[in-house]
Amino acid sequence: MYDCVIIGGGIAGLQAALQLGRYMHRIAVIDRHRGRSLLARNYRNILGWPDGVSGPRLRELGTVQARAVGVEFMEDTVVDGSKNGEGFHLKLGGGETIQARRVLISTGLTDRIPDGIEGMKEVLGLSMYVCPDCDGYEIKDRVTVVIGAGNPGASLACELRYWTKRVTFINHEPEESPVSAKLQTKCQEKGISIIDGPAARIHYASIDMLTHVELRNSKTIPAEKGFIAFGGNKAESDIAKKLGVERLENGHIPVDGRTKQTNVPNIWAAGDVVAHSQLLTVAIGDGAQAAIWIHKSLIQ
């Protein structure tokens, strides 16, 4: 019987694990080594890291810290769960069933990134970004391209005009995802060109500086920096549904603003799976705050 099982070992889950381990509770983290933080290879908006730090590095450091205070880690997934008195039975993908007095869901979200764009893997998180709140500053006054789909891509292109006047939107899926008339007008007013794709290859001088994007029709679009915005990102909350946790239409989990507890007693949620700003620093705060209230519930 664990005092708390944390489902998801991203930034929010690791921060909660570290805090709960320091409270000397018996904690297990079930993680499958995925999540948005693994895409970010140089966060520059985190206090104390002026030269940046990657998501994988933070996760590595966090795991070491949490292990040092007794937190256990299992490389697995939680595929089902049921209530057991005040606690829960959790069935793992490998077939094992474990018990937990409390559960924290920190399973994050999965970005939709289409296959077939050469060079994307090499530059993603270094010169091609996902989150404007995290990395908008990196494109300041740069020639910037947004590769995306329909309205999500056009909307992000308009948002990025805050940092640079030189923005082009490549609609990678023009037939499946047309841009609405309203957003076409907005882009035109902001001086943003909309070019029908699809994109074929991202060219770069170095992994932190692009040169241009090549379309399948061989047309090239100059670019120094870029963002992706395809829409259809998935909040990884399937296990929440199985445990009876309320979810919004987009799959994100609403929680109490103070405690981070869900509608189900003894289940908390933190990080990008929650309906909130998807920032690493917010995930850290969410994980710590959830841990405080999990601890309070355990010692009552």
C-alpha atoms as a PDB file:
ATOM      1  CA  MET A   1       0.000   0.000   0.000  1.00  0.00           C
ATOM      2  CA  TYR A   2       1.473   3.329  -1.105  1.00  0.00           C
ATOM      3  CA  ASP A   3       0.528   6.580   0.583  1.00  0.00           C
ATOM      4  CA  CYS A   4       0.291   8.138  -2.878  1.00  0.00           C
ATOM      5  CA  VAL A   5       0.759   6.881  -6.404  1.00  0.00           C
ATOM      6  CA  ILE A   6       1.687   9.576  -8.919  1.00  0.00           C
ATOM      7  CA  ILE A   7       0.589   8.710 -12.444  1.00  0.00           C
ATOM      8  CA  GLY A   8       2.989  10.518 -14.782  1.00  0.00           C
ATOM      9  CA  GLY A   9       6.602  11.451 -14.142  1.00  0.00           C
ATOM     10  CA  GLY A  10       6.808  14.792 -15.929  1.00  0.00           C
ATOM     11  CA  ILE A  11       7.627  18.070 -14.235  1.00  0.00           C
ATOM     12  CA  ALA A  12       4.469  18.339 -12.100  1.00  0.00           C
ATOM     13  CA  GLY A  13       4.665  14.709 -11.042  1.00  0.00           C
ATOM     14  CA  LEU A  14       8.341  14.941 -10.139  1.00  0.00           C
ATOM     15  CA  GLN A  15       7.874  18.102  -8.079  1.00  0.00           C
ATOM     16  CA  ALA A  16       5.013  16.466  -6.179  1.00  0.00           C
ATOM     17  CA  ALA A  17       7.073  13.311  -5.681  1.00  0.00           C
ATOM     18  CA  LEU A  18       9.997  15.282  -4.294  1.00  0.00           C
ATOM     19  CA  GLN A  19       7.772  17.208  -1.889  1.00  0.00           C
ATOM     20  CA  LEU A  20       5.904  14.097  -0.702  1.00  0.00           C
ATOM     21  CA  GLY A  21       9.154  12.171  -0.337  1.00  0.00           C
ATOM     22  CA  ARG A  22      10.450  14.924   1.918  1.00  0.00           C
ATOM     23  CA  TYR A  23       7.297  14.475   4.002  1.00  0.00           C
ATOM     24  CA  MET A  24       8.507  10.849   4.372  1.00  0.00           C
ATOM     25  CA  HIS A  25       5.473   9.247   2.770  1.00  0.00           C
ATOM     26  CA  ARG A  26       5.709   6.066   0.718  1.00  0.00           C
ATOM     27  CA  ILE A  27       5.419   7.283  -2.871  1.00  0.00           C
ATOM     28  CA  ALA A  28       5.501   5.561  -6.261  1.00  0.00           C
ATOM     29  CA  VAL A  29       5.734   7.308  -9.621  1.00  0.00           C
ATOM     30  CA  ILE A  30       4.374   5.390 -12.615  1.00  0.00           C
ATOM     31  CA  ASP A  31       5.933   6.845 -15.764  1.00  0.00           C
ATOM     32  CA  ARG A  32       6.295   5.867 -19.410  1.00  0.00           C
ATOM     33  CA  HIS A  33       8.862   8.576 -20.324  1.00  0.00           C
ATOM     34  CA  ARG A  34       6.706  10.723 -22.586  1.00  0.00           C
ATOM     35  CA  GLY A  35       5.261  14.227 -22.434  1.00  0.00           C
ATOM     36  CA  ARG A  36       5.704  17.753 -23.725  1.00  0.00           C
ATOM     37  CA  SER A  37       8.682  18.529 -21.469  1.00  0.00           C
ATOM     38  CA  LEU A  38      10.756  16.012 -23.433  1.00  0.00           C
ATOM     39  CA  LEU A  39      10.222  18.125 -26.574  1.00  0.00           C
ATOM     40  CA  ALA A  40      11.623  21.284 -24.945  1.00  0.00           C
ATOM     41  CA  ARG A  41      15.380  21.223 -25.266  1.00  0.00           C
ATOM     42  CA  ASN A  42      16.163  24.693 -23.957  1.00  0.00           C
ATOM     43  CA  TYR A  43      13.798  26.380 -21.509  1.00  0.00           C
ATOM     44  CA  ARG A  44      14.973  29.959 -20.967  1.00  0.00           C
ATOM     45  CA  ASN A  45      12.035  31.237 -18.915  1.00  0.00           C
ATOM     46  CA  ILE A  46      12.865  29.429 -15.666  1.00  0.00           C
ATOM     47  CA  LEU A  47      14.297  31.383 -12.736  1.00  0.00           C
ATOM     48  CA  GLY A  48      17.916  30.439 -12.071  1.00  0.00           C
ATOM     49  CA  TRP A  49      18.678  29.048 -15.554  1.00  0.00           C
ATOM     50  CA  PRO A  50      19.709  32.135 -17.577  1.00  0.00           C
ATOM     51  CA  ASP A  51      21.413  30.039 -20.255  1.00  0.00           C
ATOM     52  CA  GLY A  52      18.500  27.631 -20.454  1.00  0.00           C
ATOM     53  CA  VAL A  53      17.943  24.024 -19.441  1.00  0.00           C
ATOM     54  CA  SER A  54      16.278  21.183 -21.302  1.00  0.00           C
ATOM     55  CA  GLY A  55      13.184  19.325 -20.201  1.00  0.00           C
ATOM     56  CA  PRO A  56      14.985  15.951 -20.303  1.00  0.00           C
ATOM     57  CA  ARG A  57      17.734  17.355 -18.076  1.00  0.00           C
ATOM     58  CA  LEU A  58      15.223  18.688 -15.539  1.00  0.00           C
ATOM     59  CA  ARG A  59      13.456  15.336 -15.479  1.00  0.00           C
ATOM     60  CA  GLU A  60      16.741  13.534 -14.986  1.00  0.00           C
ATOM     61  CA  LEU A  61      17.709  15.812 -12.095  1.00  0.00           C
ATOM     62  CA  GLY A  62      14.245  15.583 -10.564  1.00  0.00           C
ATOM     63  CA  THR A  63      14.260  11.798 -10.656  1.00  0.00           C
ATOM     64  CA  VAL A  64      17.621  11.689  -8.869  1.00  0.00           C
ATOM     65  CA  GLN A  65      16.368  14.124  -6.213  1.00  0.00           C
ATOM     66  CA  ALA A  66      13.158  12.195  -5.649  1.00  0.00           C
ATOM     67  CA  ARG A  67      14.928   8.831  -5.409  1.00  0.00           C
ATOM     68  CA  ALA A  68      17.208  10.308  -2.759  1.00  0.00           C
ATOM     69  CA  VAL A  69      14.215  10.873  -0.463  1.00  0.00           C
ATOM     70  CA  GLY A  70      12.805   7.386  -0.972  1.00  0.00           C
ATOM     71  CA  VAL A  71      10.459   7.782  -3.945  1.00  0.00           C
ATOM     72  CA  GLU A  72      10.025   4.629  -6.038  1.00  0.00           C
ATOM     73  CA  PHE A  73       9.775   4.718  -9.843  1.00  0.00           C
ATOM     74  CA  MET A  74       8.079   2.189 -12.123  1.00  0.00           C
ATOM     75  CA  GLU A  75       8.338   2.286 -15.919  1.00  0.00           C
ATOM     76  CA  ASP A  76       4.767   1.386 -16.758  1.00  0.00           C
ATOM     77  CA  THR A  77       1.286   2.791 -17.385  1.00  0.00           C
ATOM     78  CA  VAL A  78      -1.870   2.698 -15.288  1.00  0.00           C
ATOM     79  CA  VAL A  79      -4.532   1.132 -17.500  1.00  0.00           C
ATOM     80  CA  ASP A  80      -7.407   0.836 -15.030  1.00  0.00           C
ATOM     81  CA  GLY A  81      -8.384   1.691 -11.507  1.00  0.00           C
ATOM     82  CA  SER A  82     -11.122   1.275  -8.939  1.00  0.00           C
ATOM     83  CA  LYS A  83     -11.983   2.613  -5.519  1.00  0.00           C
ATOM     84  CA  ASN A  84     -11.072   0.532  -2.469  1.00  0.00           C
ATOM     85  CA  GLY A  85     -12.494   2.099   0.676  1.00  0.00           C
ATOM     86  CA  GLU A  86     -10.687   5.427   1.043  1.00  0.00           C
ATOM     87  CA  GLY A  87      -7.993   4.290  -1.377  1.00  0.00           C
ATOM     88  CA  PHE A  88      -7.631   2.767  -4.834  1.00  0.00           C
ATOM     89  CA  HIS A  89      -6.608  -0.343  -6.729  1.00  0.00           C
ATOM     90  CA  LEU A  90      -4.529   0.577  -9.798  1.00  0.00           C
ATOM     91  CA  LYS A  91      -3.887  -1.938 -12.558  1.00  0.00           C
ATOM     92  CA  LEU A  92      -0.629  -1.502 -14.474  1.00  0.00           C
ATOM     93  CA  GLY A  93      -0.006  -2.298 -18.124  1.00  0.00           C
ATOM     94  CA  GLY A  94       2.383  -5.051 -17.118  1.00  0.00           C
ATOM     95  CA  GLY A  95      -0.411  -6.853 -15.271  1.00  0.00           C
ATOM     96  CA  GLU A  96       0.503  -5.906 -11.690  1.00  0.00           C
ATOM     97  CA  THR A  97      -2.061  -4.286  -9.385  1.00  0.00           C
ATOM     98  CA  ILE A  98      -0.923  -1.831  -6.711  1.00  0.00           C
ATOM     99  CA  GLN A  99      -2.802  -0.047  -3.954  1.00  0.00           C
ATOM    100  CA  ALA A 100      -2.732   3.631  -3.092  1.00  0.00           C
ATOM    101  CA  ARG A 101      -4.308   5.703  -0.341  1.00  0.00           C
ATOM    102  CA  ARG A 102      -4.099   8.784  -2.583  1.00  0.00           C
ATOM    103  CA  VAL A 103      -3.637   9.344  -6.329  1.00  0.00           C
ATOM    104  CA  LEU A 104      -2.125  12.259  -8.222  1.00  0.00           C
ATOM    105  CA  ILE A 105      -2.805  12.381 -11.970  1.00  0.00           C
ATOM    106  CA  SER A 106      -0.018  14.259 -13.781  1.00  0.00           C
ATOM    107  CA  THR A 107      -0.183  12.605 -17.170  1.00  0.00           C
ATOM    108  CA  GLY A 108       0.237  15.791 -19.233  1.00  0.00           C
ATOM    109  CA  LEU A 109      -0.761  16.148 -22.864  1.00  0.00           C
ATOM    110  CA  THR A 110       0.450  14.912 -26.225  1.00  0.00           C
ATOM    111  CA  ASP A 111       1.009  17.396 -29.055  1.00  0.00           C
ATOM    112  CA  ARG A 112      -0.187  16.483 -32.527  1.00  0.00           C
ATOM    113  CA  ILE A 113       2.857  16.589 -34.784  1.00  0.00           C
ATOM    114  CA  PRO A 114       2.303  15.092 -38.267  1.00  0.00           C
ATOM    115  CA  ASP A 115       4.910  12.768 -39.703  1.00  0.00           C
ATOM    116  CA  GLY A 116       6.676  13.510 -42.941  1.00  0.00           C
ATOM    117  CA  ILE A 117       8.220  16.939 -42.333  1.00  0.00           C
ATOM    118  CA  GLU A 118      11.947  16.343 -42.682  1.00  0.00           C
ATOM    119  CA  GLY A 119      14.169  18.176 -40.226  1.00  0.00           C
ATOM    120  CA  MET A 120      11.409  18.674 -37.659  1.00  0.00           C
ATOM    121  CA  LYS A 121      12.877  16.221 -35.160  1.00  0.00           C
ATOM    122  CA  GLU A 122      16.288  17.892 -35.312  1.00  0.00           C
ATOM    123  CA  VAL A 123      15.104  21.465 -34.615  1.00  0.00           C
ATOM    124  CA  LEU A 124      12.021  20.944 -32.430  1.00  0.00           C
ATOM    125  CA  GLY A 125      12.579  22.588 -29.071  1.00  0.00           C
ATOM    126  CA  LEU A 126      15.646  24.519 -30.263  1.00  0.00           C
ATOM    127  CA  SER A 127      14.513  26.739 -33.149  1.00  0.00           C
ATOM    128  CA  MET A 128      11.023  25.367 -33.802  1.00  0.00           C
ATOM    129  CA  TYR A 129       8.807  25.812 -30.753  1.00  0.00           C
ATOM    130  CA  VAL A 130       5.446  24.724 -29.348  1.00  0.00           C
ATOM    131  CA  CYS A 131       4.521  27.179 -26.575  1.00  0.00           C
ATOM    132  CA  PRO A 132       4.463  30.965 -27.233  1.00  0.00           C
ATOM    133  CA  ASP A 133       4.334  31.786 -23.515  1.00  0.00           C
ATOM    134  CA  CYS A 134       7.515  29.741 -23.020  1.00  0.00           C
ATOM    135  CA  ASP A 135       9.448  30.664 -26.149  1.00  0.00           C
ATOM    136  CA  GLY A 136       7.846  33.718 -27.746  1.00  0.00           C
ATOM    137  CA  TYR A 137      10.778  35.870 -26.681  1.00  0.00           C
ATOM    138  CA  GLU A 138      13.153  33.654 -28.684  1.00  0.00           C
ATOM    139  CA  ILE A 139      11.666  34.925 -31.960  1.00  0.00           C
ATOM    140  CA  LYS A 140      11.979  38.624 -31.066  1.00  0.00           C
ATOM    141  CA  ASP A 141      12.444  40.535 -34.364  1.00  0.00           C
ATOM    142  CA  ARG A 142      13.215  37.280 -36.198  1.00  0.00           C
ATOM    143  CA  VAL A 143      11.806  36.061 -39.511  1.00  0.00           C
ATOM    144  CA  THR A 144       9.341  33.517 -38.210  1.00  0.00           C
ATOM    145  CA  VAL A 145       7.224  30.804 -39.780  1.00  0.00           C
ATOM    146  CA  VAL A 146       4.295  28.958 -38.246  1.00  0.00           C
ATOM    147  CA  ILE A 147       3.705  25.458 -39.612  1.00  0.00           C
ATOM    148  CA  GLY A 148       0.248  24.375 -38.600  1.00  0.00           C
ATOM    149  CA  ALA A 149      -3.280  23.530 -39.549  1.00  0.00           C
ATOM    150  CA  GLY A 150      -6.137  25.902 -40.269  1.00  0.00           C
ATOM    151  CA  ASN A 151      -7.448  28.099 -37.485  1.00  0.00           C
ATOM    152  CA  PRO A 152      -5.029  26.934 -34.736  1.00  0.00           C
ATOM    153  CA  GLY A 153      -2.061  27.865 -36.932  1.00  0.00           C
ATOM    154  CA  ALA A 154      -3.511  31.177 -38.091  1.00  0.00           C
ATOM    155  CA  SER A 155      -4.452  32.114 -34.539  1.00  0.00           C
ATOM    156  CA  LEU A 156      -0.941  31.425 -33.257  1.00  0.00           C
ATOM    157  CA  ALA A 157       0.580  33.393 -36.141  1.00  0.00           C
ATOM    158  CA  CYS A 158      -1.474  36.420 -35.053  1.00  0.00           C
ATOM    159  CA  GLU A 159      -0.390  35.938 -31.441  1.00  0.00           C
ATOM    160  CA  LEU A 160       3.290  35.853 -32.433  1.00  0.00           C
ATOM    161  CA  ARG A 161       3.028  39.319 -34.001  1.00  0.00           C
ATOM    162  CA  TYR A 162       3.554  40.572 -30.444  1.00  0.00           C
ATOM    163  CA  TRP A 163       7.248  39.592 -30.701  1.00  0.00           C
ATOM    164  CA  THR A 164       7.984  40.087 -34.400  1.00  0.00           C
ATOM    165  CA  LYS A 165       6.434  41.754 -37.423  1.00  0.00           C
ATOM    166  CA  ARG A 166       7.792  39.131 -39.813  1.00  0.00           C
ATOM    167  CA  VAL A 167       5.457  36.148 -39.550  1.00  0.00           C
ATOM    168  CA  THR A 168       4.312  33.725 -42.243  1.00  0.00           C
ATOM    169  CA  PHE A 169       1.780  30.942 -41.730  1.00  0.00           C
ATOM    170  CA  ILE A 170       2.124  27.724 -43.726  1.00  0.00           C
ATOM    171  CA  ASN A 171      -1.142  25.805 -43.646  1.00  0.00           C
ATOM    172  CA  HIS A 172       0.179  22.260 -43.733  1.00  0.00           C
ATOM    173  CA  GLU A 173      -3.308  20.815 -44.219  1.00  0.00           C
ATOM    174  CA  PRO A 174      -5.131  23.337 -46.440  1.00  0.00           C
ATOM    175  CA  GLU A 175      -7.853  20.977 -47.648  1.00  0.00           C
ATOM    176  CA  GLU A 176      -8.600  19.328 -44.292  1.00  0.00           C
ATOM    177  CA  SER A 177      -8.203  22.513 -42.215  1.00  0.00           C
ATOM    178  CA  PRO A 178      -9.171  25.726 -44.031  1.00  0.00           C
ATOM    179  CA  VAL A 179      -8.703  29.083 -42.328  1.00  0.00           C
ATOM    180  CA  SER A 180     -11.914  30.870 -41.393  1.00  0.00           C
ATOM    181  CA  ALA A 181     -12.793  34.144 -43.120  1.00  0.00           C
ATOM    182  CA  LYS A 182     -12.486  35.959 -39.792  1.00  0.00           C
ATOM    183  CA  LEU A 183      -8.926  34.743 -39.220  1.00  0.00           C
ATOM    184  CA  GLN A 184      -7.960  35.373 -42.831  1.00  0.00           C
ATOM    185  CA  THR A 185      -8.986  38.991 -42.332  1.00  0.00           C
ATOM    186  CA  LYS A 186      -7.123  39.204 -39.036  1.00  0.00           C
ATOM    187  CA  CYS A 187      -3.949  37.813 -40.610  1.00  0.00           C
ATOM    188  CA  GLN A 188      -4.237  40.264 -43.483  1.00  0.00           C
ATOM    189  CA  GLU A 189      -4.622  43.171 -41.070  1.00  0.00           C
ATOM    190  CA  LYS A 190      -1.489  42.061 -39.212  1.00  0.00           C
ATOM    191  CA  GLY A 191       0.546  41.597 -42.381  1.00  0.00           C
ATOM    192  CA  ILE A 192       0.733  37.820 -42.071  1.00  0.00           C
ATOM    193  CA  SER A 193       0.896  35.831 -45.303  1.00  0.00           C
ATOM    194  CA  ILE A 194      -1.013  32.540 -45.407  1.00  0.00           C
ATOM    195  CA  ILE A 195       0.596  29.996 -47.724  1.00  0.00           C
ATOM    196  CA  ASP A 196      -0.956  26.648 -48.533  1.00  0.00           C
ATOM    197  CA  GLY A 197       1.348  23.716 -47.858  1.00  0.00           C
ATOM    198  CA  PRO A 198       2.076  21.042 -47.131  1.00  0.00           C
ATOM    199  CA  ALA A 199       5.572  21.574 -45.772  1.00  0.00           C
ATOM    200  CA  ALA A 200       8.158  19.015 -46.846  1.00  0.00           C
ATOM    201  CA  ARG A 201      11.415  19.944 -45.140  1.00  0.00           C
ATOM    202  CA  ILE A 202      12.847  22.382 -42.606  1.00  0.00           C
ATOM    203  CA  HIS A 203      16.293  23.661 -43.561  1.00  0.00           C
ATOM    204  CA  TYR A 204      18.656  25.083 -40.968  1.00  0.00           C
ATOM    205  CA  ALA A 205      22.121  26.608 -40.702  1.00  0.00           C
ATOM    206  CA  SER A 206      22.407  25.144 -37.198  1.00  0.00           C
ATOM    207  CA  ILE A 207      19.845  23.425 -34.982  1.00  0.00           C
ATOM    208  CA  ASP A 208      19.120  26.736 -33.253  1.00  0.00           C
ATOM    209  CA  MET A 209      18.755  28.830 -36.428  1.00  0.00           C
ATOM    210  CA  LEU A 210      16.617  28.009 -39.469  1.00  0.00           C
ATOM    211  CA  THR A 211      17.219  29.200 -43.031  1.00  0.00           C
ATOM    212  CA  HIS A 212      13.963  28.300 -44.807  1.00  0.00           C
ATOM    213  CA  VAL A 213      11.064  25.873 -45.083  1.00  0.00           C
ATOM    214  CA  GLU A 214      10.628  23.920 -48.309  1.00  0.00           C
ATOM    215  CA  LEU A 215       7.126  22.992 -49.449  1.00  0.00           C
ATOM    216  CA  ARG A 216       6.253  19.854 -51.385  1.00  0.00           C
ATOM    217  CA  ASN A 217       5.817  21.980 -54.501  1.00  0.00           C
ATOM    218  CA  SER A 218       9.488  23.046 -54.041  1.00  0.00           C
ATOM    219  CA  LYS A 219       8.570  26.615 -53.062  1.00  0.00           C
ATOM    220  CA  THR A 220      10.737  27.958 -50.227  1.00  0.00           C
ATOM    221  CA  ILE A 221       9.739  30.241 -47.328  1.00  0.00           C
ATOM    222  CA  PRO A 222      12.523  32.167 -45.526  1.00  0.00           C
ATOM    223  CA  ALA A 223      12.616  31.585 -41.768  1.00  0.00           C
ATOM    224  CA  GLU A 224      15.009  32.019 -38.863  1.00  0.00           C
ATOM    225  CA  LYS A 225      12.676  30.672 -36.167  1.00  0.00           C
ATOM    226  CA  GLY A 226       9.411  28.787 -36.171  1.00  0.00           C
ATOM    227  CA  PHE A 227       6.434  27.424 -34.250  1.00  0.00           C
ATOM    228  CA  ILE A 228       4.095  24.518 -34.812  1.00  0.00           C
ATOM    229  CA  ALA A 229       0.338  24.691 -34.233  1.00  0.00           C
ATOM    230  CA  PHE A 230      -1.627  21.764 -35.629  1.00  0.00           C
ATOM    231  CA  GLY A 231      -4.378  21.637 -33.026  1.00  0.00           C
ATOM    232  CA  GLY A 232      -5.819  18.340 -31.855  1.00  0.00           C
ATOM    233  CA  ASN A 233      -3.502  18.027 -28.840  1.00  0.00           C
ATOM    234  CA  LYS A 234      -4.654  15.270 -26.476  1.00  0.00           C
ATOM    235  CA  ALA A 235      -4.972  15.674 -22.719  1.00  0.00           C
ATOM    236  CA  GLU A 236      -3.868  12.271 -21.417  1.00  0.00           C
ATOM    237  CA  SER A 237      -6.771  11.837 -19.026  1.00  0.00           C
ATOM    238  CA  ASP A 238      -8.169   8.404 -19.933  1.00  0.00           C
ATOM    239  CA  ILE A 239      -7.274   7.020 -16.505  1.00  0.00           C
ATOM    240  CA  ALA A 240      -9.078   9.958 -14.896  1.00  0.00           C
ATOM    241  CA  LYS A 241     -12.272   8.950 -16.685  1.00  0.00           C
ATOM    242  CA  LYS A 242     -11.926   5.366 -15.454  1.00  0.00           C
ATOM    243  CA  LEU A 243     -11.579   6.640 -11.891  1.00  0.00           C
ATOM    244  CA  GLY A 244     -14.705   8.782 -12.201  1.00  0.00           C
ATOM    245  CA  VAL A 245     -12.876  12.114 -12.353  1.00  0.00           C
ATOM    246  CA  GLU A 246     -14.697  14.972 -14.065  1.00  0.00           C
ATOM    247  CA  ARG A 247     -13.211  16.135 -17.361  1.00  0.00           C
ATOM    248  CA  LEU A 248     -13.958  19.040 -19.650  1.00  0.00           C
ATOM    249  CA  GLU A 249     -14.959  18.568 -23.288  1.00  0.00           C
ATOM    250  CA  ASN A 250     -11.306  18.950 -24.330  1.00  0.00           C
ATOM    251  CA  GLY A 251     -10.224  16.230 -21.899  1.00  0.00           C
ATOM    252  CA  HIS A 252      -8.538  18.522 -19.387  1.00  0.00           C
ATOM    253  CA  ILE A 253      -9.313  18.063 -15.698  1.00  0.00           C
ATOM    254  CA  PRO A 254     -10.836  20.860 -13.591  1.00  0.00           C
ATOM    255  CA  VAL A 255      -9.422  21.072 -10.068  1.00  0.00           C
ATOM    256  CA  ASP A 256      -9.883  23.134  -6.949  1.00  0.00           C
ATOM    257  CA  GLY A 257      -7.779  26.269  -7.384  1.00  0.00           C
ATOM    258  CA  ARG A 258      -6.301  26.053  -3.899  1.00  0.00           C
ATOM    259  CA  THR A 259      -5.819  22.335  -3.280  1.00  0.00           C
ATOM    260  CA  LYS A 260      -5.637  20.904  -6.854  1.00  0.00           C
ATOM    261  CA  GLN A 261      -8.057  18.169  -5.791  1.00  0.00           C
ATOM    262  CA  THR A 262     -10.474  16.766  -8.363  1.00  0.00           C
ATOM    263  CA  ASN A 263     -14.175  16.094  -7.838  1.00  0.00           C
ATOM    264  CA  VAL A 264     -13.294  12.609  -6.550  1.00  0.00           C
ATOM    265  CA  PRO A 265     -12.106  12.524  -2.916  1.00  0.00           C
ATOM    266  CA  ASN A 266      -8.436  11.533  -2.558  1.00  0.00           C
ATOM    267  CA  ILE A 267      -7.597  12.124  -6.228  1.00  0.00           C
ATOM    268  CA  TRP A 268      -5.594  15.190  -7.244  1.00  0.00           C
ATOM    269  CA  ALA A 269      -4.380  16.412 -10.642  1.00  0.00           C
ATOM    270  CA  ALA A 270      -1.489  18.675 -11.651  1.00  0.00           C
ATOM    271  CA  GLY A 271       0.419  19.831 -14.712  1.00  0.00           C
ATOM    272  CA  ASP A 272      -0.661  20.093 -18.335  1.00  0.00           C
ATOM    273  CA  VAL A 273      -3.506  17.591 -17.951  1.00  0.00           C
ATOM    274  CA  VAL A 274      -5.231  20.231 -15.801  1.00  0.00           C
ATOM    275  CA  ALA A 275      -7.220  23.129 -17.259  1.00  0.00           C
ATOM    276  CA  HIS A 276      -4.607  25.872 -16.748  1.00  0.00           C
ATOM    277  CA  SER A 277      -1.720  27.732 -18.386  1.00  0.00           C
ATOM    278  CA  GLN A 278       0.619  25.157 -19.886  1.00  0.00           C
ATOM    279  CA  LEU A 279       3.892  26.469 -18.485  1.00  0.00           C
ATOM    280  CA  LEU A 280       6.631  24.414 -16.873  1.00  0.00           C
ATOM    281  CA  THR A 281       6.813  26.855 -13.982  1.00  0.00           C
ATOM    282  CA  VAL A 282       3.061  26.503 -13.421  1.00  0.00           C
ATOM    283  CA  ALA A 283       3.443  22.711 -13.456  1.00  0.00           C
ATOM    284  CA  ILE A 284       6.099  22.977 -10.747  1.00  0.00           C
ATOM    285  CA  GLY A 285       3.791  25.078  -8.592  1.00  0.00           C
ATOM    286  CA  ASP A 286       0.824  22.786  -9.229  1.00  0.00           C
ATOM    287  CA  GLY A 287       2.824  19.716  -8.251  1.00  0.00           C
ATOM    288  CA  ALA A 288       4.077  21.297  -5.041  1.00  0.00           C
ATOM    289  CA  GLN A 289       0.630  22.615  -4.100  1.00  0.00           C
ATOM    290  CA  ALA A 290      -1.040  19.262  -4.718  1.00  0.00           C
ATOM    291  CA  ALA A 291       1.625  17.557  -2.612  1.00  0.00           C
ATOM    292  CA  ILE A 292       0.985  19.887   0.320  1.00  0.00           C
ATOM    293  CA  TRP A 293      -2.703  19.039   0.368  1.00  0.00           C
ATOM    294  CA  ILE A 294      -2.108  15.323  -0.182  1.00  0.00           C
ATOM    295  CA  HIS A 295       0.173  15.422   2.851  1.00  0.00           C
ATOM    296  CA  LYS A 296      -2.445  17.266   4.911  1.00  0.00           C
ATOM    297  CA  SER A 297      -5.042  14.629   4.004  1.00  0.00           C
ATOM    298  CA  LEU A 298      -2.710  11.767   4.930  1.00  0.00           C
ATOM    299  CA  ILE A 299      -1.840  13.045   8.407  1.00  0.00           C
ATOM    300  CA  GLN A 300      -5.394  13.896   9.439  1.00  0.00           C
END
